[in-house]
Amino acid sequence: MTAAIACAECTQHRSHCHGTLIVHGDGSRECVEPSCRDVHRHRHDLVIDCRAVHGGCRCSR
């Protein structure tokens, strides 16, 4: 049996998201986590450019 590792942000009750933030060419952002409502970069550990999304993106880069 393995022990679960707690998220430091969760245990310290800091505002954060476990989802991936996707940044588009026009500056808009979206998170892959459906419940995420605050798409600021500082809340996300993983931030990627939309060109890195498998299958491309709908925006015009």
PDB file of N, CA and C in Angstrom:
ATOM      1  N   MET A   1       0.848  -1.183   0.000  1.00  0.00           N
ATOM      2  CA  MET A   1       0.000   0.000   0.000  1.00  0.00           C
ATOM      3  C   MET A   1       0.893   1.246   0.000  1.00  0.00           C
ATOM      4  N   THR A   2       0.584   2.181  -0.866  1.00  0.00           N
ATOM      5  CA  THR A   2       1.376   3.410  -0.944  1.00  0.00           C
ATOM      6  C   THR A   2       0.620   4.544  -0.271  1.00  0.00           C
ATOM      7  N   ALA A   3       1.362   5.431   0.296  1.00  0.00           N
ATOM      8  CA  ALA A   3       0.769   6.598   0.963  1.00  0.00           C
ATOM      9  C   ALA A   3       0.464   7.671  -0.072  1.00  0.00           C
ATOM     10  N   ALA A   4      -0.634   8.349   0.112  1.00  0.00           N
ATOM     11  CA  ALA A   4      -1.000   9.452  -0.774  1.00  0.00           C
ATOM     12  C   ALA A   4      -0.169  10.680  -0.411  1.00  0.00           C
ATOM     13  N   ILE A   5       0.254  11.393  -1.423  1.00  0.00           N
ATOM     14  CA  ILE A   5       1.005  12.627  -1.202  1.00  0.00           C
ATOM     15  C   ILE A   5       0.031  13.790  -1.350  1.00  0.00           C
ATOM     16  N   ALA A   6      -0.033  14.616  -0.339  1.00  0.00           N
ATOM     17  CA  ALA A   6      -0.953  15.756  -0.346  1.00  0.00           C
ATOM     18  C   ALA A   6      -0.352  16.920  -1.119  1.00  0.00           C
ATOM     19  N   CYS A   7      -1.192  17.635  -1.832  1.00  0.00           N
ATOM     20  CA  CYS A   7      -0.780  18.833  -2.555  1.00  0.00           C
ATOM     21  C   CYS A   7      -0.495  19.940  -1.534  1.00  0.00           C
ATOM     22  N   ALA A   8       0.679  20.544  -1.636  1.00  0.00           N
ATOM     23  CA  ALA A   8       1.064  21.609  -0.706  1.00  0.00           C
ATOM     24  C   ALA A   8       0.114  22.800  -0.799  1.00  0.00           C
ATOM     25  N   GLU A   9      -0.323  23.128  -2.009  1.00  0.00           N
ATOM     26  CA  GLU A   9      -1.265  24.242  -2.180  1.00  0.00           C
ATOM     27  C   GLU A   9      -2.603  23.926  -1.501  1.00  0.00           C
ATOM     28  N   CYS A  10      -3.053  22.681  -1.633  1.00  0.00           N
ATOM     29  CA  CYS A  10      -4.320  22.267  -1.005  1.00  0.00           C
ATOM     30  C   CYS A  10      -4.220  22.311   0.518  1.00  0.00           C
ATOM     31  N   THR A  11      -3.139  21.763   1.053  1.00  0.00           N
ATOM     32  CA  THR A  11      -3.015  21.709   2.508  1.00  0.00           C
ATOM     33  C   THR A  11      -2.860  23.093   3.130  1.00  0.00           C
ATOM     34  N   GLN A  12      -2.366  24.063   2.338  1.00  0.00           N
ATOM     35  CA  GLN A  12      -2.220  25.425   2.844  1.00  0.00           C
ATOM     36  C   GLN A  12      -3.376  26.323   2.429  1.00  0.00           C
ATOM     37  N   HIS A  13      -4.400  25.720   1.831  1.00  0.00           N
ATOM     38  CA  HIS A  13      -5.633  26.417   1.428  1.00  0.00           C
ATOM     39  C   HIS A  13      -5.357  27.615   0.512  1.00  0.00           C
ATOM     40  N   ARG A  14      -4.418  27.447  -0.427  1.00  0.00           N
ATOM     41  CA  ARG A  14      -4.100  28.495  -1.398  1.00  0.00           C
ATOM     42  C   ARG A  14      -4.945  28.307  -2.652  1.00  0.00           C
ATOM     43  N   SER A  15      -5.310  29.409  -3.262  1.00  0.00           N
ATOM     44  CA  SER A  15      -6.082  29.370  -4.502  1.00  0.00           C
ATOM     45  C   SER A  15      -5.202  28.846  -5.629  1.00  0.00           C
ATOM     46  N   HIS A  16      -5.578  27.703  -6.213  1.00  0.00           N
ATOM     47  CA  HIS A  16      -4.803  27.096  -7.279  1.00  0.00           C
ATOM     48  C   HIS A  16      -5.686  26.129  -8.060  1.00  0.00           C
ATOM     49  N   CYS A  17      -5.147  25.627  -9.163  1.00  0.00           N
ATOM     50  CA  CYS A  17      -5.877  24.679  -9.994  1.00  0.00           C
ATOM     51  C   CYS A  17      -4.940  23.555 -10.390  1.00  0.00           C
ATOM     52  N   HIS A  18      -5.452  22.345 -10.421  1.00  0.00           N
ATOM     53  CA  HIS A  18      -4.662  21.182 -10.816  1.00  0.00           C
ATOM     54  C   HIS A  18      -4.725  20.935 -12.320  1.00  0.00           C
ATOM     55  N   GLY A  19      -5.506  21.725 -13.039  1.00  0.00           N
ATOM     56  CA  GLY A  19      -5.644  21.559 -14.483  1.00  0.00           C
ATOM     57  C   GLY A  19      -4.526  22.255 -15.251  1.00  0.00           C
ATOM     58  N   THR A  20      -4.508  22.029 -16.561  1.00  0.00           N
ATOM     59  CA  THR A  20      -3.540  22.655 -17.453  1.00  0.00           C
ATOM     60  C   THR A  20      -4.152  23.896 -18.075  1.00  0.00           C
ATOM     61  N   LEU A  21      -3.436  25.009 -18.018  1.00  0.00           N
ATOM     62  CA  LEU A  21      -3.898  26.253 -18.622  1.00  0.00           C
ATOM     63  C   LEU A  21      -3.382  26.324 -20.051  1.00  0.00           C
ATOM     64  N   ILE A  22      -4.279  26.579 -21.001  1.00  0.00           N
ATOM     65  CA  ILE A  22      -3.917  26.701 -22.411  1.00  0.00           C
ATOM     66  C   ILE A  22      -4.030  28.170 -22.803  1.00  0.00           C
ATOM     67  N   VAL A  23      -2.942  28.724 -23.359  1.00  0.00           N
ATOM     68  CA  VAL A  23      -2.896  30.127 -23.758  1.00  0.00           C
ATOM     69  C   VAL A  23      -2.973  30.199 -25.281  1.00  0.00           C
ATOM     70  N   HIS A  24      -3.910  31.007 -25.778  1.00  0.00           N
ATOM     71  CA  HIS A  24      -4.127  31.158 -27.218  1.00  0.00           C
ATOM     72  C   HIS A  24      -3.426  32.397 -27.757  1.00  0.00           C
ATOM     73  N   GLY A  25      -3.303  32.463 -29.084  1.00  0.00           N
ATOM     74  CA  GLY A  25      -2.607  33.554 -29.756  1.00  0.00           C
ATOM     75  C   GLY A  25      -3.195  34.923 -29.482  1.00  0.00           C
ATOM     76  N   ASP A  26      -4.508  34.989 -29.255  1.00  0.00           N
ATOM     77  CA  ASP A  26      -5.145  36.274 -28.993  1.00  0.00           C
ATOM     78  C   ASP A  26      -5.066  36.677 -27.521  1.00  0.00           C
ATOM     79  N   GLY A  27      -4.374  35.864 -26.726  1.00  0.00           N
ATOM     80  CA  GLY A  27      -4.228  36.158 -25.301  1.00  0.00           C
ATOM     81  C   GLY A  27      -5.280  35.509 -24.428  1.00  0.00           C
ATOM     82  N   SER A  28      -6.312  34.931 -25.036  1.00  0.00           N
ATOM     83  CA  SER A  28      -7.330  34.270 -24.223  1.00  0.00           C
ATOM     84  C   SER A  28      -6.751  32.993 -23.620  1.00  0.00           C
ATOM     85  N   ARG A  29      -7.344  32.554 -22.532  1.00  0.00           N
ATOM     86  CA  ARG A  29      -6.865  31.384 -21.818  1.00  0.00           C
ATOM     87  C   ARG A  29      -8.034  30.498 -21.455  1.00  0.00           C
ATOM     88  N   GLU A  30      -7.754  29.201 -21.407  1.00  0.00           N
ATOM     89  CA  GLU A  30      -8.755  28.252 -20.940  1.00  0.00           C
ATOM     90  C   GLU A  30      -8.051  27.144 -20.179  1.00  0.00           C
ATOM     91  N   CYS A  31      -8.772  26.562 -19.244  1.00  0.00           N
ATOM     92  CA  CYS A  31      -8.232  25.485 -18.434  1.00  0.00           C
ATOM     93  C   CYS A  31      -8.949  24.196 -18.804  1.00  0.00           C
ATOM     94  N   VAL A  32      -8.215  23.094 -18.782  1.00  0.00           N
ATOM     95  CA  VAL A  32      -8.813  21.806 -19.105  1.00  0.00           C
ATOM     96  C   VAL A  32      -9.666  21.266 -17.960  1.00  0.00           C
ATOM     97  N   GLU A  33      -9.556  21.855 -16.797  1.00  0.00           N
ATOM     98  CA  GLU A  33     -10.348  21.448 -15.636  1.00  0.00           C
ATOM     99  C   GLU A  33     -11.708  22.140 -15.723  1.00  0.00           C
ATOM    100  N   PRO A  34     -12.787  21.383 -15.937  1.00  0.00           N
ATOM    101  CA  PRO A  34     -14.114  21.992 -16.122  1.00  0.00           C
ATOM    102  C   PRO A  34     -14.567  22.910 -14.982  1.00  0.00           C
ATOM    103  N   SER A  35     -14.136  22.631 -13.765  1.00  0.00           N
ATOM    104  CA  SER A  35     -14.584  23.441 -12.628  1.00  0.00           C
ATOM    105  C   SER A  35     -13.746  24.706 -12.413  1.00  0.00           C
ATOM    106  N   CYS A  36     -12.685  24.896 -13.189  1.00  0.00           N
ATOM    107  CA  CYS A  36     -11.814  26.065 -13.032  1.00  0.00           C
ATOM    108  C   CYS A  36     -12.498  27.309 -13.584  1.00  0.00           C
ATOM    109  N   ARG A  37     -12.601  28.320 -12.773  1.00  0.00           N
ATOM    110  CA  ARG A  37     -13.237  29.583 -13.174  1.00  0.00           C
ATOM    111  C   ARG A  37     -12.267  30.757 -13.181  1.00  0.00           C
ATOM    112  N   ASP A  38     -11.058  30.551 -12.678  1.00  0.00           N
ATOM    113  CA  ASP A  38     -10.061  31.622 -12.582  1.00  0.00           C
ATOM    114  C   ASP A  38      -8.837  31.208 -13.404  1.00  0.00           C
ATOM    115  N   VAL A  39      -8.728  31.743 -14.624  1.00  0.00           N
ATOM    116  CA  VAL A  39      -7.691  31.305 -15.555  1.00  0.00           C
ATOM    117  C   VAL A  39      -6.433  32.188 -15.529  1.00  0.00           C
ATOM    118  N   HIS A  40      -6.042  32.617 -14.348  1.00  0.00           N
ATOM    119  CA  HIS A  40      -4.800  33.371 -14.210  1.00  0.00           C
ATOM    120  C   HIS A  40      -3.618  32.402 -14.170  1.00  0.00           C
ATOM    121  N   ARG A  41      -2.515  32.812 -14.779  1.00  0.00           N
ATOM    122  CA  ARG A  41      -1.325  31.953 -14.854  1.00  0.00           C
ATOM    123  C   ARG A  41      -0.824  31.510 -13.483  1.00  0.00           C
ATOM    124  N   HIS A  42      -0.834  32.411 -12.519  1.00  0.00           N
ATOM    125  CA  HIS A  42      -0.258  32.085 -11.213  1.00  0.00           C
ATOM    126  C   HIS A  42      -0.996  30.966 -10.485  1.00  0.00           C
ATOM    127  N   ARG A  43      -2.197  30.643 -10.884  1.00  0.00           N
ATOM    128  CA  ARG A  43      -2.974  29.573 -10.248  1.00  0.00           C
ATOM    129  C   ARG A  43      -2.672  28.196 -10.832  1.00  0.00           C
ATOM    130  N   HIS A  44      -1.921  28.143 -11.927  1.00  0.00           N
ATOM    131  CA  HIS A  44      -1.683  26.891 -12.640  1.00  0.00           C
ATOM    132  C   HIS A  44      -0.197  26.550 -12.690  1.00  0.00           C
ATOM    133  N   ASP A  45       0.136  25.316 -12.338  1.00  0.00           N
ATOM    134  CA  ASP A  45       1.529  24.863 -12.422  1.00  0.00           C
ATOM    135  C   ASP A  45       1.917  24.529 -13.850  1.00  0.00           C
ATOM    136  N   LEU A  46       0.952  24.094 -14.654  1.00  0.00           N
ATOM    137  CA  LEU A  46       1.243  23.725 -16.028  1.00  0.00           C
ATOM    138  C   LEU A  46       0.527  24.677 -16.975  1.00  0.00           C
ATOM    139  N   VAL A  47       1.308  25.442 -17.749  1.00  0.00           N
ATOM    140  CA  VAL A  47       0.783  26.404 -18.717  1.00  0.00           C
ATOM    141  C   VAL A  47       1.402  26.066 -20.063  1.00  0.00           C
ATOM    142  N   ILE A  48       0.555  25.852 -21.093  1.00  0.00           N
ATOM    143  CA  ILE A  48       1.068  25.500 -22.411  1.00  0.00           C
ATOM    144  C   ILE A  48       0.500  26.423 -23.480  1.00  0.00           C
ATOM    145  N   ASP A  49       1.222  26.525 -24.583  1.00  0.00           N
ATOM    146  CA  ASP A  49       0.775  27.260 -25.754  1.00  0.00           C
ATOM    147  C   ASP A  49      -0.235  26.376 -26.489  1.00  0.00           C
ATOM    148  N   CYS A  50      -1.242  26.973 -27.089  1.00  0.00           N
ATOM    149  CA  CYS A  50      -2.289  26.198 -27.752  1.00  0.00           C
ATOM    150  C   CYS A  50      -1.765  25.351 -28.904  1.00  0.00           C
ATOM    151  N   ARG A  51      -0.639  25.713 -29.476  1.00  0.00           N
ATOM    152  CA  ARG A  51      -0.064  24.920 -30.563  1.00  0.00           C
ATOM    153  C   ARG A  51       0.401  23.556 -30.083  1.00  0.00           C
ATOM    154  N   ALA A  52       0.589  23.418 -28.766  1.00  0.00           N
ATOM    155  CA  ALA A  52       1.033  22.145 -28.198  1.00  0.00           C
ATOM    156  C   ALA A  52      -0.117  21.161 -27.982  1.00  0.00           C
ATOM    157  N   VAL A  53      -1.344  21.634 -28.153  1.00  0.00           N
ATOM    158  CA  VAL A  53      -2.510  20.773 -27.955  1.00  0.00           C
ATOM    159  C   VAL A  53      -2.603  19.777 -29.098  1.00  0.00           C
ATOM    160  N   HIS A  54      -2.779  18.521 -28.758  1.00  0.00           N
ATOM    161  CA  HIS A  54      -2.882  17.464 -29.769  1.00  0.00           C
ATOM    162  C   HIS A  54      -4.033  17.769 -30.726  1.00  0.00           C
ATOM    163  N   GLY A  55      -3.757  17.760 -32.004  1.00  0.00           N
ATOM    164  CA  GLY A  55      -4.782  18.033 -33.003  1.00  0.00           C
ATOM    165  C   GLY A  55      -4.890  19.498 -33.377  1.00  0.00           C
ATOM    166  N   GLY A  56      -4.038  20.340 -32.809  1.00  0.00           N
ATOM    167  CA  GLY A  56      -4.071  21.766 -33.144  1.00  0.00           C
ATOM    168  C   GLY A  56      -5.067  22.550 -32.319  1.00  0.00           C
ATOM    169  N   CYS A  57      -5.320  23.759 -32.767  1.00  0.00           N
ATOM    170  CA  CYS A  57      -6.203  24.669 -32.033  1.00  0.00           C
ATOM    171  C   CYS A  57      -7.096  25.413 -33.009  1.00  0.00           C
ATOM    172  N   ARG A  58      -8.191  25.915 -32.480  1.00  0.00           N
ATOM    173  CA  ARG A  58      -9.156  26.647 -33.303  1.00  0.00           C
ATOM    174  C   ARG A  58      -8.739  28.084 -33.582  1.00  0.00           C
ATOM    175  N   CYS A  59      -7.818  28.621 -32.794  1.00  0.00           N
ATOM    176  CA  CYS A  59      -7.430  30.023 -32.986  1.00  0.00           C
ATOM    177  C   CYS A  59      -6.439  30.154 -34.146  1.00  0.00           C
ATOM    178  N   SER A  60      -6.288  31.352 -34.620  1.00  0.00           N
ATOM    179  CA  SER A  60      -5.368  31.586 -35.742  1.00  0.00           C
ATOM    180  C   SER A  60      -4.048  32.122 -35.220  1.00  0.00           C
ATOM    181  N   ARG A  61      -3.092  31.275 -35.116  1.00  0.00           N
ATOM    182  CA  ARG A  61      -1.736  31.653 -34.662  1.00  0.00           C
ATOM    183  C   ARG A  61      -0.955  32.112 -35.848  1.00  0.00           C
TER     184      ARG A  61
END
